[in-house]
Amino acid sequence: MRESVFRRWVTGTVVGVLGWLASSMATADSDNFPSRPVTIIVPWPPGSIVDVRVRLIAEAASRDTGHRVIVDNRPGAIGTVGVGVGVRARPDGYTVITGDITQMSIVPAMRRDLPYDPERDLVPIILYTRGLMLLVASPSLGASSVAELVAVARKRGTPLLYGTSGPGSTSDFGAILLGKASGIAVERVAYKSSTHALVDVIPGRIDFVFDFVPTSLEHIRAGKLKALMVTSDHRVPLLPDVPTAREAGLPDVQIETWGGFYVPKGTPPAAVAALNRIFARALGDPAIRKNFEDAGSRVGGGSPEDLAAFQALQKKRWTDIVARVGIPE
């Protein structure tokens, strides 16, 4: 009996000491964070707007820390595959997950079978941008405004074809809300991302897509796309003649996109704080700020708590929208 008690005491003591050592080592490592390269998982393909912007931030963070910040593209299922990979990473601060409005707000409002729970499995780091989408149409459609697009759709009598990165994406909801607000029929054609859909919008194989200013701008200037509307409450400096959703008579199609950085649950608080400081400094880079603002986006910032509060508001908004318009099939 005494031996059994003694063994339990020894085992408990050893376990406690090992736990203390592991905790001390993690704290020491976090205090010197980062001491090696950091990987950012981007759940969209190379060349997408999220990929382009995160790479700008990663370059600035690499210069700041003296350690490489590597972008790892893990596309699939409108970004939920990449986020699912990220939540299973070791929670040491060296794997950062890019999450945006789609994976953090819209899809969780639609589905309960995701490979992650945004609140349970992820720790917010920082909001890096708040932006908008741009409705662009093929010149062959013969529409130079939203009103003309609606008129063409009603005259045609068949659904307009739109490109999307999948059911539940912002490009998908943009088209769905457009159809609901204007009373026209629209039909989805799925692509890897809204940017990839431009390849078929330009020659008129599909009619329109909700894309982003940076990826559409060159084609608009070349006359290969018609810019009809931005989904924000303000016009874009690079496209000053393009009206907002409200100005176009479609206030219900106002969509604010956003993106943030996260780490897996269990990441040491010191590493979370260090990452917040690193990304905040990167977002202060004048070149990054100009790149974002020229396209009508706002550079993010703030604390992890700020991102958590913002995300909660966005979840409620999109839960209400999904309840109103239904879950895309």
C-alpha atoms as a PDB file:
ATOM      1  CA  MET A   1       0.000   0.000   0.000  1.00  0.00           C
ATOM      2  CA  ARG A   2       2.766   2.420   0.999  1.00  0.00           C
ATOM      3  CA  GLU A   3       4.703   1.489  -2.129  1.00  0.00           C
ATOM      4  CA  SER A   4       1.654   2.177  -4.300  1.00  0.00           C
ATOM      5  CA  VAL A   5       1.196   5.612  -2.736  1.00  0.00           C
ATOM      6  CA  PHE A   6       4.901   6.326  -3.130  1.00  0.00           C
ATOM      7  CA  ARG A   7       4.799   5.352  -6.801  1.00  0.00           C
ATOM      8  CA  ARG A   8       1.812   7.615  -7.426  1.00  0.00           C
ATOM      9  CA  TRP A   9       3.612  10.475  -5.679  1.00  0.00           C
ATOM     10  CA  VAL A  10       6.757   9.943  -7.805  1.00  0.00           C
ATOM     11  CA  THR A  11       4.730   9.677 -11.029  1.00  0.00           C
ATOM     12  CA  GLY A  12       2.771  12.837 -10.237  1.00  0.00           C
ATOM     13  CA  THR A  13       5.923  14.738  -9.362  1.00  0.00           C
ATOM     14  CA  VAL A  14       7.681  13.695 -12.586  1.00  0.00           C
ATOM     15  CA  VAL A  15       4.670  14.613 -14.712  1.00  0.00           C
ATOM     16  CA  GLY A  16       4.424  17.980 -12.966  1.00  0.00           C
ATOM     17  CA  VAL A  17       8.102  18.747 -13.468  1.00  0.00           C
ATOM     18  CA  LEU A  18       7.957  17.755 -17.136  1.00  0.00           C
ATOM     19  CA  GLY A  19       4.900  19.957 -17.618  1.00  0.00           C
ATOM     20  CA  TRP A  20       6.657  22.866 -15.938  1.00  0.00           C
ATOM     21  CA  LEU A  21       9.735  22.374 -18.134  1.00  0.00           C
ATOM     22  CA  ALA A  22       7.621  22.228 -21.303  1.00  0.00           C
ATOM     23  CA  SER A  23       5.772  25.375 -20.255  1.00  0.00           C
ATOM     24  CA  SER A  24       9.025  27.158 -19.436  1.00  0.00           C
ATOM     25  CA  MET A  25      10.562  26.178 -22.777  1.00  0.00           C
ATOM     26  CA  ALA A  26       7.467  27.376 -24.678  1.00  0.00           C
ATOM     27  CA  THR A  27       7.531  30.689 -22.808  1.00  0.00           C
ATOM     28  CA  ALA A  28      11.232  31.169 -23.455  1.00  0.00           C
ATOM     29  CA  ASP A  29      10.745  30.389 -27.149  1.00  0.00           C
ATOM     30  CA  SER A  30       7.812  32.821 -27.348  1.00  0.00           C
ATOM     31  CA  ASP A  31       9.849  35.570 -25.711  1.00  0.00           C
ATOM     32  CA  ASN A  32      12.355  35.307 -28.582  1.00  0.00           C
ATOM     33  CA  PHE A  33       9.673  34.854 -31.206  1.00  0.00           C
ATOM     34  CA  PRO A  34      10.244  34.315 -34.064  1.00  0.00           C
ATOM     35  CA  SER A  35      13.515  32.419 -34.047  1.00  0.00           C
ATOM     36  CA  ARG A  36      12.886  30.643 -37.355  1.00  0.00           C
ATOM     37  CA  PRO A  37      10.664  30.977 -40.465  1.00  0.00           C
ATOM     38  CA  VAL A  38       6.907  31.461 -40.077  1.00  0.00           C
ATOM     39  CA  THR A  39       4.432  29.897 -42.515  1.00  0.00           C
ATOM     40  CA  ILE A  40       1.169  31.609 -43.484  1.00  0.00           C
ATOM     41  CA  ILE A  41      -1.473  29.255 -44.900  1.00  0.00           C
ATOM     42  CA  VAL A  42      -3.483  30.987 -47.630  1.00  0.00           C
ATOM     43  CA  PRO A  43      -6.634  28.981 -48.409  1.00  0.00           C
ATOM     44  CA  TRP A  44      -6.913  30.396 -51.948  1.00  0.00           C
ATOM     45  CA  PRO A  45      -4.853  29.644 -55.088  1.00  0.00           C
ATOM     46  CA  PRO A  46      -1.751  31.585 -56.184  1.00  0.00           C
ATOM     47  CA  GLY A  47      -2.652  34.798 -57.995  1.00  0.00           C
ATOM     48  CA  SER A  48      -5.931  35.315 -56.127  1.00  0.00           C
ATOM     49  CA  ILE A  49      -6.464  38.663 -54.450  1.00  0.00           C
ATOM     50  CA  VAL A  50      -5.944  37.172 -50.978  1.00  0.00           C
ATOM     51  CA  ASP A  51      -2.711  35.515 -52.103  1.00  0.00           C
ATOM     52  CA  VAL A  52      -1.363  38.727 -53.627  1.00  0.00           C
ATOM     53  CA  ARG A  53      -2.104  40.823 -50.543  1.00  0.00           C
ATOM     54  CA  VAL A  54      -0.825  38.289 -48.026  1.00  0.00           C
ATOM     55  CA  ARG A  55       2.432  38.009 -49.979  1.00  0.00           C
ATOM     56  CA  LEU A  56       2.920  41.772 -49.679  1.00  0.00           C
ATOM     57  CA  ILE A  57       2.416  41.531 -45.928  1.00  0.00           C
ATOM     58  CA  ALA A  58       4.689  38.471 -45.690  1.00  0.00           C
ATOM     59  CA  GLU A  59       7.506  40.303 -47.498  1.00  0.00           C
ATOM     60  CA  ALA A  60       7.250  43.256 -45.114  1.00  0.00           C
ATOM     61  CA  ALA A  61       7.170  40.934 -42.086  1.00  0.00           C
ATOM     62  CA  SER A  62      10.224  39.047 -43.374  1.00  0.00           C
ATOM     63  CA  ARG A  63      12.197  42.280 -43.626  1.00  0.00           C
ATOM     64  CA  ASP A  64      11.086  43.297 -40.157  1.00  0.00           C
ATOM     65  CA  THR A  65      11.881  40.055 -38.322  1.00  0.00           C
ATOM     66  CA  GLY A  66      14.911  38.889 -40.284  1.00  0.00           C
ATOM     67  CA  HIS A  67      13.245  35.489 -40.718  1.00  0.00           C
ATOM     68  CA  ARG A  68      11.401  34.274 -43.800  1.00  0.00           C
ATOM     69  CA  VAL A  69       7.614  34.436 -43.743  1.00  0.00           C
ATOM     70  CA  ILE A  70       6.512  31.768 -46.195  1.00  0.00           C
ATOM     71  CA  VAL A  71       3.154  31.646 -47.988  1.00  0.00           C
ATOM     72  CA  ASP A  72       1.691  28.142 -48.324  1.00  0.00           C
ATOM     73  CA  ASN A  73      -1.323  27.998 -50.678  1.00  0.00           C
ATOM     74  CA  ARG A  74      -3.897  25.360 -49.666  1.00  0.00           C
ATOM     75  CA  PRO A  75      -6.964  26.055 -51.841  1.00  0.00           C
ATOM     76  CA  GLY A  76     -10.162  24.043 -51.938  1.00  0.00           C
ATOM     77  CA  ALA A  77     -13.831  24.217 -50.921  1.00  0.00           C
ATOM     78  CA  ILE A  78     -13.843  28.060 -50.903  1.00  0.00           C
ATOM     79  CA  GLY A  79     -11.001  28.158 -48.427  1.00  0.00           C
ATOM     80  CA  THR A  80     -12.304  25.746 -45.807  1.00  0.00           C
ATOM     81  CA  VAL A  81      -9.719  23.097 -46.737  1.00  0.00           C
ATOM     82  CA  GLY A  82      -6.802  25.419 -45.970  1.00  0.00           C
ATOM     83  CA  VAL A  83      -8.283  26.590 -42.688  1.00  0.00           C
ATOM     84  CA  GLY A  84      -8.902  22.964 -41.740  1.00  0.00           C
ATOM     85  CA  VAL A  85      -5.233  22.213 -42.373  1.00  0.00           C
ATOM     86  CA  GLY A  86      -4.205  25.211 -40.286  1.00  0.00           C
ATOM     87  CA  VAL A  87      -6.193  24.310 -37.176  1.00  0.00           C
ATOM     88  CA  ARG A  88      -4.360  20.955 -37.039  1.00  0.00           C
ATOM     89  CA  ALA A  89      -0.913  22.586 -37.112  1.00  0.00           C
ATOM     90  CA  ARG A  90       1.308  22.669 -34.056  1.00  0.00           C
ATOM     91  CA  PRO A  91       0.163  25.596 -31.861  1.00  0.00           C
ATOM     92  CA  ASP A  92       3.559  27.255 -31.481  1.00  0.00           C
ATOM     93  CA  GLY A  93       2.986  30.448 -33.464  1.00  0.00           C
ATOM     94  CA  TYR A  94       4.980  29.309 -36.484  1.00  0.00           C
ATOM     95  CA  THR A  95       1.879  28.454 -38.514  1.00  0.00           C
ATOM     96  CA  VAL A  96      -0.492  31.340 -39.205  1.00  0.00           C
ATOM     97  CA  ILE A  97      -3.847  30.886 -40.949  1.00  0.00           C
ATOM     98  CA  THR A  98      -5.381  33.430 -43.289  1.00  0.00           C
ATOM     99  CA  GLY A  99      -9.116  33.558 -42.686  1.00  0.00           C
ATOM    100  CA  ASP A 100     -11.613  35.819 -44.394  1.00  0.00           C
ATOM    101  CA  ILE A 101     -15.285  36.625 -44.537  1.00  0.00           C
ATOM    102  CA  THR A 102     -16.017  33.377 -46.398  1.00  0.00           C
ATOM    103  CA  GLN A 103     -14.447  30.833 -44.025  1.00  0.00           C
ATOM    104  CA  MET A 104     -15.038  32.791 -40.810  1.00  0.00           C
ATOM    105  CA  SER A 105     -18.548  34.222 -41.290  1.00  0.00           C
ATOM    106  CA  ILE A 106     -20.485  33.052 -44.349  1.00  0.00           C
ATOM    107  CA  VAL A 107     -19.812  29.309 -44.512  1.00  0.00           C
ATOM    108  CA  PRO A 108     -20.187  28.810 -40.722  1.00  0.00           C
ATOM    109  CA  ALA A 109     -23.615  30.446 -41.073  1.00  0.00           C
ATOM    110  CA  MET A 110     -24.494  27.870 -43.740  1.00  0.00           C
ATOM    111  CA  ARG A 111     -22.910  24.633 -42.538  1.00  0.00           C
ATOM    112  CA  ARG A 112     -22.283  22.717 -39.326  1.00  0.00           C
ATOM    113  CA  ASP A 113     -20.030  20.051 -40.859  1.00  0.00           C
ATOM    114  CA  LEU A 114     -16.893  22.159 -41.262  1.00  0.00           C
ATOM    115  CA  PRO A 115     -13.492  20.709 -40.298  1.00  0.00           C
ATOM    116  CA  TYR A 116     -13.112  23.578 -37.803  1.00  0.00           C
ATOM    117  CA  ASP A 117     -15.050  25.936 -35.592  1.00  0.00           C
ATOM    118  CA  PRO A 118     -13.821  29.553 -35.909  1.00  0.00           C
ATOM    119  CA  GLU A 119     -14.394  30.412 -32.251  1.00  0.00           C
ATOM    120  CA  ARG A 120     -13.326  27.088 -30.746  1.00  0.00           C
ATOM    121  CA  ASP A 121     -10.301  26.172 -32.868  1.00  0.00           C
ATOM    122  CA  LEU A 122      -8.680  29.502 -33.774  1.00  0.00           C
ATOM    123  CA  VAL A 123      -7.091  32.400 -31.914  1.00  0.00           C
ATOM    124  CA  PRO A 124      -7.388  35.803 -33.645  1.00  0.00           C
ATOM    125  CA  ILE A 125      -4.194  37.756 -34.346  1.00  0.00           C
ATOM    126  CA  ILE A 126      -5.140  40.846 -36.338  1.00  0.00           C
ATOM    127  CA  LEU A 127      -7.577  42.122 -38.965  1.00  0.00           C
ATOM    128  CA  TYR A 128      -5.448  42.927 -42.002  1.00  0.00           C
ATOM    129  CA  THR A 129      -8.004  44.426 -44.399  1.00  0.00           C
ATOM    130  CA  ARG A 130     -11.575  45.521 -44.981  1.00  0.00           C
ATOM    131  CA  GLY A 131     -12.553  45.768 -48.618  1.00  0.00           C
ATOM    132  CA  LEU A 132     -15.168  45.469 -51.323  1.00  0.00           C
ATOM    133  CA  MET A 133     -16.113  43.629 -54.477  1.00  0.00           C
ATOM    134  CA  LEU A 134     -16.575  44.872 -58.014  1.00  0.00           C
ATOM    135  CA  LEU A 135     -19.331  43.819 -60.403  1.00  0.00           C
ATOM    136  CA  VAL A 136     -17.817  43.394 -63.865  1.00  0.00           C
ATOM    137  CA  ALA A 137     -19.588  42.222 -67.023  1.00  0.00           C
ATOM    138  CA  SER A 138     -18.578  41.059 -70.442  1.00  0.00           C
ATOM    139  CA  PRO A 139     -18.677  43.839 -73.067  1.00  0.00           C
ATOM    140  CA  SER A 140     -20.624  41.422 -75.281  1.00  0.00           C
ATOM    141  CA  LEU A 141     -23.524  41.613 -72.811  1.00  0.00           C
ATOM    142  CA  GLY A 142     -24.166  45.167 -73.981  1.00  0.00           C
ATOM    143  CA  ALA A 143     -24.597  46.635 -70.489  1.00  0.00           C
ATOM    144  CA  SER A 144     -22.707  49.682 -69.205  1.00  0.00           C
ATOM    145  CA  SER A 145     -24.664  49.997 -65.940  1.00  0.00           C
ATOM    146  CA  VAL A 146     -26.550  47.835 -63.480  1.00  0.00           C
ATOM    147  CA  ALA A 147     -29.849  49.129 -64.876  1.00  0.00           C
ATOM    148  CA  GLU A 148     -28.805  48.054 -68.375  1.00  0.00           C
ATOM    149  CA  LEU A 149     -27.697  44.634 -67.097  1.00  0.00           C
ATOM    150  CA  VAL A 150     -31.129  44.139 -65.507  1.00  0.00           C
ATOM    151  CA  ALA A 151     -32.844  45.263 -68.725  1.00  0.00           C
ATOM    152  CA  VAL A 152     -30.775  42.806 -70.797  1.00  0.00           C
ATOM    153  CA  ALA A 153     -31.634  39.962 -68.418  1.00  0.00           C
ATOM    154  CA  ARG A 154     -35.364  40.686 -68.585  1.00  0.00           C
ATOM    155  CA  LYS A 155     -35.320  40.945 -72.361  1.00  0.00           C
ATOM    156  CA  ARG A 156     -33.298  37.759 -72.788  1.00  0.00           C
ATOM    157  CA  GLY A 157     -35.682  35.680 -70.720  1.00  0.00           C
ATOM    158  CA  THR A 158     -33.006  33.179 -69.668  1.00  0.00           C
ATOM    159  CA  PRO A 159     -30.738  33.362 -66.602  1.00  0.00           C
ATOM    160  CA  LEU A 160     -27.564  35.395 -66.757  1.00  0.00           C
ATOM    161  CA  LEU A 161     -24.504  33.220 -66.165  1.00  0.00           C
ATOM    162  CA  TYR A 162     -22.140  34.364 -63.422  1.00  0.00           C
ATOM    163  CA  GLY A 163     -18.771  33.129 -62.232  1.00  0.00           C
ATOM    164  CA  THR A 164     -18.097  32.207 -58.629  1.00  0.00           C
ATOM    165  CA  SER A 165     -15.542  30.443 -56.479  1.00  0.00           C
ATOM    166  CA  GLY A 166     -18.326  28.250 -55.114  1.00  0.00           C
ATOM    167  CA  PRO A 167     -21.589  28.270 -53.163  1.00  0.00           C
ATOM    168  CA  GLY A 168     -21.229  30.492 -50.119  1.00  0.00           C
ATOM    169  CA  SER A 169     -18.380  32.643 -51.411  1.00  0.00           C
ATOM    170  CA  THR A 170     -18.705  36.418 -51.556  1.00  0.00           C
ATOM    171  CA  SER A 171     -18.740  36.264 -55.359  1.00  0.00           C
ATOM    172  CA  ASP A 172     -21.649  33.821 -55.122  1.00  0.00           C
ATOM    173  CA  PHE A 173     -23.630  35.841 -52.609  1.00  0.00           C
ATOM    174  CA  GLY A 174     -23.019  39.009 -54.609  1.00  0.00           C
ATOM    175  CA  ALA A 175     -24.781  37.459 -57.594  1.00  0.00           C
ATOM    176  CA  ILE A 176     -27.548  35.925 -55.471  1.00  0.00           C
ATOM    177  CA  LEU A 177     -28.269  39.240 -53.751  1.00  0.00           C
ATOM    178  CA  LEU A 178     -28.178  40.997 -57.139  1.00  0.00           C
ATOM    179  CA  GLY A 179     -30.764  38.577 -58.490  1.00  0.00           C
ATOM    180  CA  LYS A 180     -32.997  38.909 -55.416  1.00  0.00           C
ATOM    181  CA  ALA A 181     -32.834  42.709 -55.343  1.00  0.00           C
ATOM    182  CA  SER A 182     -33.445  43.230 -59.072  1.00  0.00           C
ATOM    183  CA  GLY A 183     -35.794  40.319 -59.723  1.00  0.00           C
ATOM    184  CA  ILE A 184     -33.681  38.734 -62.462  1.00  0.00           C
ATOM    185  CA  ALA A 185     -32.665  35.097 -62.852  1.00  0.00           C
ATOM    186  CA  VAL A 186     -28.990  34.216 -62.465  1.00  0.00           C
ATOM    187  CA  GLU A 187     -27.176  30.895 -62.790  1.00  0.00           C
ATOM    188  CA  ARG A 188     -23.873  29.879 -61.204  1.00  0.00           C
ATOM    189  CA  VAL A 189     -20.767  28.636 -63.031  1.00  0.00           C
ATOM    190  CA  ALA A 190     -18.100  27.533 -60.547  1.00  0.00           C
ATOM    191  CA  TYR A 191     -14.356  28.296 -60.777  1.00  0.00           C
ATOM    192  CA  LYS A 192     -11.323  28.016 -58.480  1.00  0.00           C
ATOM    193  CA  SER A 193     -11.763  31.703 -57.623  1.00  0.00           C
ATOM    194  CA  SER A 194     -13.635  34.722 -58.950  1.00  0.00           C
ATOM    195  CA  THR A 195     -10.380  35.820 -60.581  1.00  0.00           C
ATOM    196  CA  HIS A 196     -10.248  32.607 -62.608  1.00  0.00           C
ATOM    197  CA  ALA A 197     -13.780  33.316 -63.825  1.00  0.00           C
ATOM    198  CA  LEU A 198     -12.539  36.452 -65.632  1.00  0.00           C
ATOM    199  CA  VAL A 199     -11.069  34.215 -68.331  1.00  0.00           C
ATOM    200  CA  ASP A 200     -14.619  33.332 -69.385  1.00  0.00           C
ATOM    201  CA  VAL A 201     -16.254  36.701 -68.674  1.00  0.00           C
ATOM    202  CA  ILE A 202     -13.946  38.592 -71.041  1.00  0.00           C
ATOM    203  CA  PRO A 203     -14.953  36.670 -74.227  1.00  0.00           C
ATOM    204  CA  GLY A 204     -18.587  36.410 -73.106  1.00  0.00           C
ATOM    205  CA  ARG A 205     -18.776  32.707 -72.304  1.00  0.00           C
ATOM    206  CA  ILE A 206     -20.371  33.839 -69.041  1.00  0.00           C
ATOM    207  CA  ASP A 207     -21.992  37.204 -68.405  1.00  0.00           C
ATOM    208  CA  PHE A 208     -20.626  38.682 -65.181  1.00  0.00           C
ATOM    209  CA  VAL A 209     -18.726  38.107 -61.965  1.00  0.00           C
ATOM    210  CA  PHE A 210     -18.196  39.833 -58.644  1.00  0.00           C
ATOM    211  CA  ASP A 211     -14.400  40.165 -58.554  1.00  0.00           C
ATOM    212  CA  PHE A 212     -11.848  42.535 -57.013  1.00  0.00           C
ATOM    213  CA  VAL A 213     -10.444  45.827 -58.266  1.00  0.00           C
ATOM    214  CA  PRO A 214      -6.737  44.817 -58.506  1.00  0.00           C
ATOM    215  CA  THR A 215      -7.422  41.680 -60.559  1.00  0.00           C
ATOM    216  CA  SER A 216      -9.998  43.309 -62.869  1.00  0.00           C
ATOM    217  CA  LEU A 217      -8.484  46.774 -63.312  1.00  0.00           C
ATOM    218  CA  GLU A 218      -6.130  46.010 -66.195  1.00  0.00           C
ATOM    219  CA  HIS A 219      -8.944  44.380 -68.176  1.00  0.00           C
ATOM    220  CA  ILE A 220     -11.297  47.286 -67.465  1.00  0.00           C
ATOM    221  CA  ARG A 221      -8.762  49.807 -68.701  1.00  0.00           C
ATOM    222  CA  ALA A 222      -8.180  47.708 -71.830  1.00  0.00           C
ATOM    223  CA  GLY A 223     -11.917  47.641 -72.553  1.00  0.00           C
ATOM    224  CA  LYS A 224     -12.163  43.887 -72.005  1.00  0.00           C
ATOM    225  CA  LEU A 225     -14.514  44.250 -69.019  1.00  0.00           C
ATOM    226  CA  LYS A 226     -17.292  46.649 -68.047  1.00  0.00           C
ATOM    227  CA  ALA A 227     -17.211  47.824 -64.419  1.00  0.00           C
ATOM    228  CA  LEU A 228     -20.798  48.347 -63.255  1.00  0.00           C
ATOM    229  CA  MET A 229     -20.751  48.727 -59.467  1.00  0.00           C
ATOM    230  CA  VAL A 230     -18.675  48.453 -56.287  1.00  0.00           C
ATOM    231  CA  THR A 231     -20.213  46.812 -53.220  1.00  0.00           C
ATOM    232  CA  SER A 232     -18.968  49.412 -50.740  1.00  0.00           C
ATOM    233  CA  ASP A 233     -20.445  52.606 -49.327  1.00  0.00           C
ATOM    234  CA  HIS A 234     -17.743  54.670 -51.050  1.00  0.00           C
ATOM    235  CA  ARG A 235     -16.300  54.941 -54.557  1.00  0.00           C
ATOM    236  CA  VAL A 236     -12.868  53.619 -55.437  1.00  0.00           C
ATOM    237  CA  PRO A 237     -10.047  56.081 -56.276  1.00  0.00           C
ATOM    238  CA  LEU A 238      -8.853  53.934 -59.196  1.00  0.00           C
ATOM    239  CA  LEU A 239     -12.398  53.746 -60.617  1.00  0.00           C
ATOM    240  CA  PRO A 240     -13.991  57.065 -59.638  1.00  0.00           C
ATOM    241  CA  ASP A 241     -16.815  56.814 -62.184  1.00  0.00           C
ATOM    242  CA  VAL A 242     -18.084  53.424 -60.980  1.00  0.00           C
ATOM    243  CA  PRO A 243     -21.107  53.844 -58.659  1.00  0.00           C
ATOM    244  CA  THR A 244     -21.617  52.207 -55.274  1.00  0.00           C
ATOM    245  CA  ALA A 245     -24.354  49.613 -54.726  1.00  0.00           C
ATOM    246  CA  ARG A 246     -26.594  52.243 -53.146  1.00  0.00           C
ATOM    247  CA  GLU A 247     -26.002  54.679 -56.001  1.00  0.00           C
ATOM    248  CA  ALA A 248     -26.871  51.894 -58.442  1.00  0.00           C
ATOM    249  CA  GLY A 249     -30.169  51.347 -56.639  1.00  0.00           C
ATOM    250  CA  LEU A 250     -29.143  48.101 -54.945  1.00  0.00           C
ATOM    251  CA  PRO A 251     -28.347  48.876 -51.285  1.00  0.00           C
ATOM    252  CA  ASP A 252     -28.980  45.222 -50.348  1.00  0.00           C
ATOM    253  CA  VAL A 253     -25.957  44.206 -52.442  1.00  0.00           C
ATOM    254  CA  GLN A 254     -23.560  46.148 -50.236  1.00  0.00           C
ATOM    255  CA  ILE A 255     -20.911  43.607 -49.205  1.00  0.00           C
ATOM    256  CA  GLU A 256     -17.841  44.402 -47.163  1.00  0.00           C
ATOM    257  CA  THR A 257     -15.098  41.819 -47.534  1.00  0.00           C
ATOM    258  CA  TRP A 258     -12.439  41.361 -44.874  1.00  0.00           C
ATOM    259  CA  GLY A 259      -9.487  39.207 -43.912  1.00  0.00           C
ATOM    260  CA  GLY A 260      -7.598  38.390 -40.750  1.00  0.00           C
ATOM    261  CA  PHE A 261      -4.735  36.302 -39.432  1.00  0.00           C
ATOM    262  CA  TYR A 262      -5.227  33.489 -36.918  1.00  0.00           C
ATOM    263  CA  VAL A 263      -3.261  30.745 -35.155  1.00  0.00           C
ATOM    264  CA  PRO A 264      -4.387  27.343 -33.827  1.00  0.00           C
ATOM    265  CA  LYS A 265      -5.938  27.210 -30.367  1.00  0.00           C
ATOM    266  CA  GLY A 266      -3.311  26.656 -27.689  1.00  0.00           C
ATOM    267  CA  THR A 267      -0.699  28.983 -29.190  1.00  0.00           C
ATOM    268  CA  PRO A 268       1.240  30.712 -26.352  1.00  0.00           C
ATOM    269  CA  PRO A 269      -0.091  34.214 -25.583  1.00  0.00           C
ATOM    270  CA  ALA A 270       3.423  35.661 -25.977  1.00  0.00           C
ATOM    271  CA  ALA A 271       3.581  34.349 -29.555  1.00  0.00           C
ATOM    272  CA  VAL A 272       0.093  35.749 -30.278  1.00  0.00           C
ATOM    273  CA  ALA A 273       1.183  39.167 -28.993  1.00  0.00           C
ATOM    274  CA  ALA A 274       4.427  39.030 -30.992  1.00  0.00           C
ATOM    275  CA  LEU A 275       2.585  38.141 -34.221  1.00  0.00           C
ATOM    276  CA  ASN A 276       0.135  40.973 -33.639  1.00  0.00           C
ATOM    277  CA  ARG A 277       3.032  43.439 -33.344  1.00  0.00           C
ATOM    278  CA  ILE A 278       4.805  42.027 -36.416  1.00  0.00           C
ATOM    279  CA  PHE A 279       1.744  42.216 -38.652  1.00  0.00           C
ATOM    280  CA  ALA A 280       0.746  45.638 -37.314  1.00  0.00           C
ATOM    281  CA  ARG A 281       4.155  46.987 -38.318  1.00  0.00           C
ATOM    282  CA  ALA A 282       3.847  45.358 -41.756  1.00  0.00           C
ATOM    283  CA  LEU A 283       0.444  46.954 -42.282  1.00  0.00           C
ATOM    284  CA  GLY A 284       2.016  50.317 -41.521  1.00  0.00           C
ATOM    285  CA  ASP A 285       4.250  49.995 -44.591  1.00  0.00           C
ATOM    286  CA  PRO A 286       3.355  52.952 -46.880  1.00  0.00           C
ATOM    287  CA  ALA A 287       3.549  50.764 -50.020  1.00  0.00           C
ATOM    288  CA  ILE A 288       1.057  48.267 -48.585  1.00  0.00           C
ATOM    289  CA  ARG A 289      -1.259  51.015 -47.407  1.00  0.00           C
ATOM    290  CA  LYS A 290      -1.244  52.647 -50.865  1.00  0.00           C
ATOM    291  CA  ASN A 291      -1.797  49.303 -52.602  1.00  0.00           C
ATOM    292  CA  PHE A 292      -4.864  48.595 -50.468  1.00  0.00           C
ATOM    293  CA  GLU A 293      -6.364  52.082 -50.453  1.00  0.00           C
ATOM    294  CA  ASP A 294      -6.012  52.654 -54.206  1.00  0.00           C
ATOM    295  CA  ALA A 295      -8.266  49.631 -54.698  1.00  0.00           C
ATOM    296  CA  GLY A 296     -10.853  50.908 -52.232  1.00  0.00           C
ATOM    297  CA  SER A 297      -9.794  48.670 -49.351  1.00  0.00           C
ATOM    298  CA  ARG A 298      -8.850  49.745 -45.867  1.00  0.00           C
ATOM    299  CA  VAL A 299      -5.728  48.570 -44.100  1.00  0.00           C
ATOM    300  CA  GLY A 300      -6.593  46.706 -40.934  1.00  0.00           C
ATOM    301  CA  GLY A 301      -4.998  46.676 -37.508  1.00  0.00           C
ATOM    302  CA  GLY A 302      -6.000  46.522 -33.871  1.00  0.00           C
ATOM    303  CA  SER A 303      -5.742  43.861 -31.211  1.00  0.00           C
ATOM    304  CA  PRO A 304      -6.713  40.169 -31.256  1.00  0.00           C
ATOM    305  CA  GLU A 305      -9.733  41.144 -29.164  1.00  0.00           C
ATOM    306  CA  ASP A 306     -10.749  43.699 -31.804  1.00  0.00           C
ATOM    307  CA  LEU A 307     -10.731  41.006 -34.489  1.00  0.00           C
ATOM    308  CA  ALA A 308     -12.740  38.629 -32.281  1.00  0.00           C
ATOM    309  CA  ALA A 309     -15.409  41.298 -31.701  1.00  0.00           C
ATOM    310  CA  PHE A 310     -15.534  42.242 -35.395  1.00  0.00           C
ATOM    311  CA  GLN A 311     -15.827  38.583 -36.388  1.00  0.00           C
ATOM    312  CA  ALA A 312     -18.759  38.090 -34.005  1.00  0.00           C
ATOM    313  CA  LEU A 313     -20.632  40.996 -35.617  1.00  0.00           C
ATOM    314  CA  GLN A 314     -19.925  39.622 -39.089  1.00  0.00           C
ATOM    315  CA  LYS A 315     -21.166  36.166 -38.104  1.00  0.00           C
ATOM    316  CA  LYS A 316     -24.467  37.640 -36.919  1.00  0.00           C
ATOM    317  CA  ARG A 317     -24.873  39.680 -40.112  1.00  0.00           C
ATOM    318  CA  TRP A 318     -24.301  36.706 -42.383  1.00  0.00           C
ATOM    319  CA  THR A 319     -26.440  34.415 -40.273  1.00  0.00           C
ATOM    320  CA  ASP A 320     -29.266  36.916 -40.820  1.00  0.00           C
ATOM    321  CA  ILE A 321     -28.557  37.124 -44.578  1.00  0.00           C
ATOM    322  CA  VAL A 322     -28.500  33.344 -44.995  1.00  0.00           C
ATOM    323  CA  ALA A 323     -31.780  33.094 -43.078  1.00  0.00           C
ATOM    324  CA  ARG A 324     -33.289  35.686 -45.433  1.00  0.00           C
ATOM    325  CA  VAL A 325     -32.097  34.462 -48.836  1.00  0.00           C
ATOM    326  CA  GLY A 326     -31.549  30.768 -48.095  1.00  0.00           C
ATOM    327  CA  ILE A 327     -28.543  28.485 -48.364  1.00  0.00           C
ATOM    328  CA  PRO A 328     -27.097  28.376 -51.913  1.00  0.00           C
ATOM    329  CA  GLU A 329     -27.373  24.914 -53.471  1.00  0.00           C
END
